[in-house]
Amino acid sequence: MGWREQVRKVFRAAPAERGPQRRESSAPPPPDAAREDRLRTVLAEDPNDVAAFNELAEIVRGRAAEVAAPDPLAADASPISSADAANTAHWALAEELAGKPHGWYALIEMARLSLDEDREGAMRRLGAACERDHSGAALIQGVRMLREAHLPAEALGLGVGHWSPADHDPEAGREIVQAALDADRPAEARRHLRDLAELGARQRGTARVVAELEPFVQAAETAPAGD
């Protein structure tokens, strides 16, 4: 068994319906074991608790990075960096939680980890996350992640495919309008801003978001071509 699969096995929990479980071991528990168990309990109840997931991911990443080393008995004995080991442990944790029917945040994290090497797979995971969430939170996270990765066209495509202005948090509309601006598509930005204002009028905060975006859309519309 290669190192990567060993790390996945070490940090993969029991069945997803039980929530992510700490690995049984005869060794003394780590100093932060109580903190880890508390976080796993929180995530068993709510797999989309972003703060708890990120805190637990920090724990498993740190442990994996500390023990990163090639397995001399494995066929794949090439050196494994601490970063690769940490990412593999992070992925394994996310994979556990993504098995829960409403676990969308883990899919966002899996997309983030795979975006550079497997953009198509990452986009599928983002789409699946958006389908699992009806509040717009997954869409906000997904579009923002793609914008930060300098992929505005992909961000816009994800947003247009899953956005429901009448139902989603208006911050989802903000991200989509900004993605259109990032992609130098002022006409699309204007159209999405209009949809946000009209279809999302009943959502709290919509008027504020529209007012904040309006000057940026106007500036993009009046900017000379090529600027």
C-alpha atoms as a PDB file:
ATOM      1  CA  MET A   1       0.000   0.000   0.000  1.00  0.00           C
ATOM      2  CA  GLY A   2       1.469   3.387  -1.019  1.00  0.00           C
ATOM      3  CA  TRP A   3       1.872   6.319   1.327  1.00  0.00           C
ATOM      4  CA  ARG A   4      -1.016   8.304  -0.072  1.00  0.00           C
ATOM      5  CA  GLU A   5      -3.473   5.464   0.407  1.00  0.00           C
ATOM      6  CA  GLN A   6      -2.103   4.828   3.904  1.00  0.00           C
ATOM      7  CA  VAL A   7      -2.763   8.432   4.885  1.00  0.00           C
ATOM      8  CA  ARG A   8      -6.278   8.227   3.428  1.00  0.00           C
ATOM      9  CA  LYS A   9      -6.891   5.070   5.470  1.00  0.00           C
ATOM     10  CA  VAL A  10      -5.550   6.614   8.652  1.00  0.00           C
ATOM     11  CA  PHE A  11      -7.695   9.732   8.439  1.00  0.00           C
ATOM     12  CA  ARG A  12     -10.839   8.186   6.975  1.00  0.00           C
ATOM     13  CA  ALA A  13     -13.557   7.626   9.554  1.00  0.00           C
ATOM     14  CA  ALA A  14     -16.221   4.987  10.007  1.00  0.00           C
ATOM     15  CA  PRO A  15     -19.420   5.208   7.907  1.00  0.00           C
ATOM     16  CA  ALA A  16     -20.450   8.767   7.076  1.00  0.00           C
ATOM     17  CA  GLU A  17     -23.775   8.585   8.870  1.00  0.00           C
ATOM     18  CA  ARG A  18     -21.862   8.395  12.179  1.00  0.00           C
ATOM     19  CA  GLY A  19     -19.898  11.511  11.367  1.00  0.00           C
ATOM     20  CA  PRO A  20     -16.104  11.686  11.072  1.00  0.00           C
ATOM     21  CA  GLN A  21     -14.538   9.486  13.747  1.00  0.00           C
ATOM     22  CA  ARG A  22     -11.108   9.655  15.345  1.00  0.00           C
ATOM     23  CA  ARG A  23      -8.928   6.655  14.565  1.00  0.00           C
ATOM     24  CA  GLU A  24      -8.725   4.009  17.290  1.00  0.00           C
ATOM     25  CA  SER A  25      -5.171   3.515  18.543  1.00  0.00           C
ATOM     26  CA  SER A  26      -3.283   1.935  21.444  1.00  0.00           C
ATOM     27  CA  ALA A  27      -0.989   4.961  21.565  1.00  0.00           C
ATOM     28  CA  PRO A  28      -1.637   7.747  24.080  1.00  0.00           C
ATOM     29  CA  PRO A  29      -4.213  10.214  22.738  1.00  0.00           C
ATOM     30  CA  PRO A  30      -2.792  13.464  21.334  1.00  0.00           C
ATOM     31  CA  PRO A  31      -2.996  16.579  23.523  1.00  0.00           C
ATOM     32  CA  ASP A  32      -5.845  18.009  21.448  1.00  0.00           C
ATOM     33  CA  ALA A  33      -7.899  14.797  21.402  1.00  0.00           C
ATOM     34  CA  ALA A  34     -10.767  16.314  23.409  1.00  0.00           C
ATOM     35  CA  ARG A  35     -10.925  19.266  21.031  1.00  0.00           C
ATOM     36  CA  GLU A  36     -10.909  16.893  18.062  1.00  0.00           C
ATOM     37  CA  ASP A  37     -13.716  14.764  19.502  1.00  0.00           C
ATOM     38  CA  ARG A  38     -15.810  17.867  20.183  1.00  0.00           C
ATOM     39  CA  LEU A  39     -15.396  19.037  16.593  1.00  0.00           C
ATOM     40  CA  ARG A  40     -16.277  15.606  15.217  1.00  0.00           C
ATOM     41  CA  THR A  41     -19.445  15.609  17.307  1.00  0.00           C
ATOM     42  CA  VAL A  42     -20.389  19.030  15.964  1.00  0.00           C
ATOM     43  CA  LEU A  43     -19.839  17.862  12.383  1.00  0.00           C
ATOM     44  CA  ALA A  44     -21.829  14.687  12.953  1.00  0.00           C
ATOM     45  CA  GLU A  45     -24.792  16.969  13.716  1.00  0.00           C
ATOM     46  CA  ASP A  46     -24.061  19.571  11.056  1.00  0.00           C
ATOM     47  CA  PRO A  47     -21.558  18.627   8.340  1.00  0.00           C
ATOM     48  CA  ASN A  48     -21.777  22.199   7.001  1.00  0.00           C
ATOM     49  CA  ASP A  49     -20.484  23.910  10.127  1.00  0.00           C
ATOM     50  CA  VAL A  50     -17.719  25.793   8.337  1.00  0.00           C
ATOM     51  CA  ALA A  51     -15.842  26.884  11.447  1.00  0.00           C
ATOM     52  CA  ALA A  52     -15.825  23.368  12.921  1.00  0.00           C
ATOM     53  CA  PHE A  53     -14.737  21.796   9.630  1.00  0.00           C
ATOM     54  CA  ASN A  54     -11.873  24.238   9.166  1.00  0.00           C
ATOM     55  CA  GLU A  55     -10.711  23.781  12.744  1.00  0.00           C
ATOM     56  CA  LEU A  56     -10.764  19.997  12.426  1.00  0.00           C
ATOM     57  CA  ALA A  57      -9.028  20.173   9.049  1.00  0.00           C
ATOM     58  CA  GLU A  58      -6.260  22.180  10.700  1.00  0.00           C
ATOM     59  CA  ILE A  59      -5.801  19.397  13.238  1.00  0.00           C
ATOM     60  CA  VAL A  60      -5.651  16.524  10.730  1.00  0.00           C
ATOM     61  CA  ARG A  61      -3.433  18.506   8.352  1.00  0.00           C
ATOM     62  CA  GLY A  62      -0.990  19.235  11.140  1.00  0.00           C
ATOM     63  CA  ARG A  63      -0.752  15.615  12.218  1.00  0.00           C
ATOM     64  CA  ALA A  64      -0.314  14.356   8.675  1.00  0.00           C
ATOM     65  CA  ALA A  65       2.413  16.904   7.969  1.00  0.00           C
ATOM     66  CA  GLU A  66       4.281  15.871  11.096  1.00  0.00           C
ATOM     67  CA  VAL A  67       4.482  12.201  10.079  1.00  0.00           C
ATOM     68  CA  ALA A  68       5.066  12.692   6.348  1.00  0.00           C
ATOM     69  CA  ALA A  69       7.680  10.192   5.183  1.00  0.00           C
ATOM     70  CA  PRO A  70       8.029   7.569   2.431  1.00  0.00           C
ATOM     71  CA  ASP A  71       7.114   3.985   3.253  1.00  0.00           C
ATOM     72  CA  PRO A  72      10.232   1.880   2.496  1.00  0.00           C
ATOM     73  CA  LEU A  73       8.125  -1.275   2.156  1.00  0.00           C
ATOM     74  CA  ALA A  74       5.700   0.229  -0.319  1.00  0.00           C
ATOM     75  CA  ALA A  75       5.991   0.063  -4.069  1.00  0.00           C
ATOM     76  CA  ASP A  76       5.619   3.848  -4.175  1.00  0.00           C
ATOM     77  CA  ALA A  77       8.594   4.873  -2.044  1.00  0.00           C
ATOM     78  CA  SER A  78       9.089   8.332  -3.507  1.00  0.00           C
ATOM     79  CA  PRO A  79       9.340  11.135  -0.939  1.00  0.00           C
ATOM     80  CA  ILE A  80       6.042  12.709   0.058  1.00  0.00           C
ATOM     81  CA  SER A  81       6.067  16.347   1.058  1.00  0.00           C
ATOM     82  CA  SER A  82       4.414  17.582   4.225  1.00  0.00           C
ATOM     83  CA  ALA A  83       2.050  19.665   2.081  1.00  0.00           C
ATOM     84  CA  ASP A  84       0.954  16.620   0.065  1.00  0.00           C
ATOM     85  CA  ALA A  85       0.379  14.594   3.224  1.00  0.00           C
ATOM     86  CA  ALA A  86      -1.622  17.436   4.768  1.00  0.00           C
ATOM     87  CA  ASN A  87      -3.741  17.826   1.620  1.00  0.00           C
ATOM     88  CA  THR A  88      -4.410  14.082   1.510  1.00  0.00           C
ATOM     89  CA  ALA A  89      -5.590  14.069   5.138  1.00  0.00           C
ATOM     90  CA  HIS A  90      -7.735  17.137   4.435  1.00  0.00           C
ATOM     91  CA  TRP A  91      -9.257  15.392   1.406  1.00  0.00           C
ATOM     92  CA  ALA A  92     -10.009  12.250   3.405  1.00  0.00           C
ATOM     93  CA  LEU A  93     -11.860  14.277   6.039  1.00  0.00           C
ATOM     94  CA  ALA A  94     -13.862  16.100   3.388  1.00  0.00           C
ATOM     95  CA  GLU A  95     -14.618  12.827   1.615  1.00  0.00           C
ATOM     96  CA  GLU A  96     -16.172  11.433   4.793  1.00  0.00           C
ATOM     97  CA  LEU A  97     -18.485  14.385   5.265  1.00  0.00           C
ATOM     98  CA  ALA A  98     -19.394  14.597   1.571  1.00  0.00           C
ATOM     99  CA  GLY A  99     -21.037  11.203   2.023  1.00  0.00           C
ATOM    100  CA  LYS A 100     -23.804  12.810   4.077  1.00  0.00           C
ATOM    101  CA  PRO A 101     -26.766  13.698   1.821  1.00  0.00           C
ATOM    102  CA  HIS A 102     -26.819  17.368   2.830  1.00  0.00           C
ATOM    103  CA  GLY A 103     -23.084  17.808   3.292  1.00  0.00           C
ATOM    104  CA  TRP A 104     -22.264  20.538   0.781  1.00  0.00           C
ATOM    105  CA  TYR A 105     -19.305  22.290   2.407  1.00  0.00           C
ATOM    106  CA  ALA A 106     -17.105  19.202   2.168  1.00  0.00           C
ATOM    107  CA  LEU A 107     -17.675  19.197  -1.586  1.00  0.00           C
ATOM    108  CA  ILE A 108     -16.529  22.817  -1.731  1.00  0.00           C
ATOM    109  CA  GLU A 109     -13.329  21.832   0.068  1.00  0.00           C
ATOM    110  CA  MET A 110     -12.761  18.861  -2.234  1.00  0.00           C
ATOM    111  CA  ALA A 111     -13.188  21.183  -5.205  1.00  0.00           C
ATOM    112  CA  ARG A 112     -10.693  23.626  -3.707  1.00  0.00           C
ATOM    113  CA  LEU A 113      -8.122  20.857  -3.198  1.00  0.00           C
ATOM    114  CA  SER A 114      -8.563  19.444  -6.716  1.00  0.00           C
ATOM    115  CA  LEU A 115      -9.010  22.642  -8.733  1.00  0.00           C
ATOM    116  CA  ASP A 116      -5.437  22.897 -10.011  1.00  0.00           C
ATOM    117  CA  GLU A 117      -5.078  19.245 -11.042  1.00  0.00           C
ATOM    118  CA  ASP A 118      -8.651  18.370 -12.021  1.00  0.00           C
ATOM    119  CA  ARG A 119     -10.662  21.444 -12.935  1.00  0.00           C
ATOM    120  CA  GLU A 120     -13.468  19.449 -14.531  1.00  0.00           C
ATOM    121  CA  GLY A 121     -13.874  17.294 -11.427  1.00  0.00           C
ATOM    122  CA  ALA A 122     -13.727  20.363  -9.210  1.00  0.00           C
ATOM    123  CA  MET A 123     -16.506  21.998 -11.205  1.00  0.00           C
ATOM    124  CA  ARG A 124     -18.657  18.875 -10.847  1.00  0.00           C
ATOM    125  CA  ARG A 125     -18.162  18.957  -7.086  1.00  0.00           C
ATOM    126  CA  LEU A 126     -19.093  22.625  -6.930  1.00  0.00           C
ATOM    127  CA  GLY A 127     -22.240  21.947  -8.938  1.00  0.00           C
ATOM    128  CA  ALA A 128     -23.174  19.079  -6.621  1.00  0.00           C
ATOM    129  CA  ALA A 129     -22.594  21.292  -3.585  1.00  0.00           C
ATOM    130  CA  CYS A 130     -24.928  23.951  -4.999  1.00  0.00           C
ATOM    131  CA  GLU A 131     -27.599  21.346  -5.690  1.00  0.00           C
ATOM    132  CA  ARG A 132     -27.490  20.190  -2.061  1.00  0.00           C
ATOM    133  CA  ASP A 133     -27.880  23.681  -0.600  1.00  0.00           C
ATOM    134  CA  HIS A 134     -30.995  25.826  -0.996  1.00  0.00           C
ATOM    135  CA  SER A 135     -29.819  28.938   0.844  1.00  0.00           C
ATOM    136  CA  GLY A 136     -27.186  30.120  -1.609  1.00  0.00           C
ATOM    137  CA  ALA A 137     -24.331  29.597   0.855  1.00  0.00           C
ATOM    138  CA  ALA A 138     -22.684  26.932  -1.301  1.00  0.00           C
ATOM    139  CA  LEU A 139     -23.039  29.125  -4.369  1.00  0.00           C
ATOM    140  CA  ILE A 140     -21.393  32.041  -2.574  1.00  0.00           C
ATOM    141  CA  GLN A 141     -18.479  29.853  -1.538  1.00  0.00           C
ATOM    142  CA  GLY A 142     -18.103  28.251  -4.956  1.00  0.00           C
ATOM    143  CA  VAL A 143     -18.267  31.419  -7.052  1.00  0.00           C
ATOM    144  CA  ARG A 144     -15.943  33.255  -4.692  1.00  0.00           C
ATOM    145  CA  MET A 145     -13.430  30.412  -4.792  1.00  0.00           C
ATOM    146  CA  LEU A 146     -13.359  30.454  -8.592  1.00  0.00           C
ATOM    147  CA  ARG A 147     -13.027  34.219  -8.680  1.00  0.00           C
ATOM    148  CA  GLU A 148     -10.094  34.052  -6.281  1.00  0.00           C
ATOM    149  CA  ALA A 149      -8.529  31.419  -8.534  1.00  0.00           C
ATOM    150  CA  HIS A 150      -8.816  33.915 -11.437  1.00  0.00           C
ATOM    151  CA  LEU A 151     -11.423  31.820 -13.230  1.00  0.00           C
ATOM    152  CA  PRO A 152     -14.198  34.381 -13.746  1.00  0.00           C
ATOM    153  CA  ALA A 153     -15.823  32.602 -16.694  1.00  0.00           C
ATOM    154  CA  GLU A 154     -16.134  29.400 -14.673  1.00  0.00           C
ATOM    155  CA  ALA A 155     -17.406  31.392 -11.689  1.00  0.00           C
ATOM    156  CA  LEU A 156     -20.034  33.044 -13.864  1.00  0.00           C
ATOM    157  CA  GLY A 157     -21.077  29.736 -15.391  1.00  0.00           C
ATOM    158  CA  LEU A 158     -21.510  28.148 -11.951  1.00  0.00           C
ATOM    159  CA  GLY A 159     -23.503  31.130 -10.761  1.00  0.00           C
ATOM    160  CA  VAL A 160     -25.836  31.343 -13.734  1.00  0.00           C
ATOM    161  CA  GLY A 161     -26.465  27.613 -13.602  1.00  0.00           C
ATOM    162  CA  HIS A 162     -27.520  27.524  -9.958  1.00  0.00           C
ATOM    163  CA  TRP A 163     -28.613  30.998  -8.865  1.00  0.00           C
ATOM    164  CA  SER A 164     -32.169  31.626  -7.667  1.00  0.00           C
ATOM    165  CA  PRO A 165     -32.413  35.357  -6.818  1.00  0.00           C
ATOM    166  CA  ALA A 166     -35.774  34.953  -5.117  1.00  0.00           C
ATOM    167  CA  ASP A 167     -34.524  32.247  -2.769  1.00  0.00           C
ATOM    168  CA  HIS A 168     -30.805  32.789  -2.266  1.00  0.00           C
ATOM    169  CA  ASP A 169     -28.906  35.095   0.032  1.00  0.00           C
ATOM    170  CA  PRO A 170     -28.281  38.346  -1.917  1.00  0.00           C
ATOM    171  CA  GLU A 171     -24.564  37.851  -1.368  1.00  0.00           C
ATOM    172  CA  ALA A 172     -24.801  35.111  -4.001  1.00  0.00           C
ATOM    173  CA  GLY A 173     -26.007  37.756  -6.433  1.00  0.00           C
ATOM    174  CA  ARG A 174     -23.100  39.991  -5.431  1.00  0.00           C
ATOM    175  CA  GLU A 175     -20.592  37.257  -6.273  1.00  0.00           C
ATOM    176  CA  ILE A 176     -22.205  36.606  -9.646  1.00  0.00           C
ATOM    177  CA  VAL A 177     -22.276  40.281 -10.634  1.00  0.00           C
ATOM    178  CA  GLN A 178     -18.637  40.592  -9.582  1.00  0.00           C
ATOM    179  CA  ALA A 179     -17.764  37.488 -11.590  1.00  0.00           C
ATOM    180  CA  ALA A 180     -19.306  39.116 -14.668  1.00  0.00           C
ATOM    181  CA  LEU A 181     -17.254  42.254 -14.005  1.00  0.00           C
ATOM    182  CA  ASP A 182     -14.116  40.146 -13.545  1.00  0.00           C
ATOM    183  CA  ALA A 183     -14.842  38.543 -16.915  1.00  0.00           C
ATOM    184  CA  ASP A 184     -15.205  41.987 -18.561  1.00  0.00           C
ATOM    185  CA  ARG A 185     -18.875  41.377 -19.341  1.00  0.00           C
ATOM    186  CA  PRO A 186     -20.600  44.573 -18.218  1.00  0.00           C
ATOM    187  CA  ALA A 187     -23.835  43.789 -20.052  1.00  0.00           C
ATOM    188  CA  GLU A 188     -24.124  40.502 -18.148  1.00  0.00           C
ATOM    189  CA  ALA A 189     -23.249  42.257 -14.905  1.00  0.00           C
ATOM    190  CA  ARG A 190     -26.087  44.733 -15.523  1.00  0.00           C
ATOM    191  CA  ARG A 191     -28.540  41.950 -16.312  1.00  0.00           C
ATOM    192  CA  HIS A 192     -27.672  40.009 -13.171  1.00  0.00           C
ATOM    193  CA  LEU A 193     -27.827  43.153 -11.054  1.00  0.00           C
ATOM    194  CA  ARG A 194     -31.298  43.865 -12.448  1.00  0.00           C
ATOM    195  CA  ASP A 195     -32.391  40.291 -11.667  1.00  0.00           C
ATOM    196  CA  LEU A 196     -31.068  40.652  -8.138  1.00  0.00           C
ATOM    197  CA  ALA A 197     -32.936  43.925  -7.620  1.00  0.00           C
ATOM    198  CA  GLU A 198     -36.216  42.703  -9.066  1.00  0.00           C
ATOM    199  CA  LEU A 199     -36.416  38.998  -8.279  1.00  0.00           C
ATOM    200  CA  GLY A 200     -34.600  39.211  -4.965  1.00  0.00           C
ATOM    201  CA  ALA A 201     -36.477  42.253  -3.690  1.00  0.00           C
ATOM    202  CA  ARG A 202     -38.017  40.326  -0.798  1.00  0.00           C
ATOM    203  CA  GLN A 203     -34.676  39.102   0.475  1.00  0.00           C
ATOM    204  CA  ARG A 204     -33.236  41.038   3.383  1.00  0.00           C
ATOM    205  CA  GLY A 205     -30.144  42.961   2.353  1.00  0.00           C
ATOM    206  CA  THR A 206     -30.843  43.006  -1.369  1.00  0.00           C
ATOM    207  CA  ALA A 207     -31.246  46.782  -1.614  1.00  0.00           C
ATOM    208  CA  ARG A 208     -27.922  47.340   0.151  1.00  0.00           C
ATOM    209  CA  VAL A 209     -26.069  44.887  -2.096  1.00  0.00           C
ATOM    210  CA  VAL A 210     -27.576  46.431  -5.239  1.00  0.00           C
ATOM    211  CA  ALA A 211     -26.629  49.930  -4.106  1.00  0.00           C
ATOM    212  CA  GLU A 212     -23.060  48.835  -3.395  1.00  0.00           C
ATOM    213  CA  LEU A 213     -22.690  47.142  -6.785  1.00  0.00           C
ATOM    214  CA  GLU A 214     -24.316  49.848  -8.896  1.00  0.00           C
ATOM    215  CA  PRO A 215     -21.285  52.189  -9.181  1.00  0.00           C
ATOM    216  CA  PHE A 216     -19.023  49.334 -10.223  1.00  0.00           C
ATOM    217  CA  VAL A 217     -21.428  48.207 -12.927  1.00  0.00           C
ATOM    218  CA  GLN A 218     -21.842  51.776 -14.156  1.00  0.00           C
ATOM    219  CA  ALA A 219     -18.074  52.216 -14.290  1.00  0.00           C
ATOM    220  CA  ALA A 220     -17.681  49.027 -16.307  1.00  0.00           C
ATOM    221  CA  GLU A 221     -20.406  50.121 -18.726  1.00  0.00           C
ATOM    222  CA  THR A 222     -18.789  53.473 -19.383  1.00  0.00           C
ATOM    223  CA  ALA A 223     -15.158  52.330 -19.461  1.00  0.00           C
ATOM    224  CA  PRO A 224     -13.466  52.652 -22.888  1.00  0.00           C
ATOM    225  CA  ALA A 225     -13.110  49.351 -24.732  1.00  0.00           C
ATOM    226  CA  GLY A 226      -9.876  47.580 -23.889  1.00  0.00           C
ATOM    227  CA  ASP A 227      -9.498  49.145 -20.437  1.00  0.00           C
END
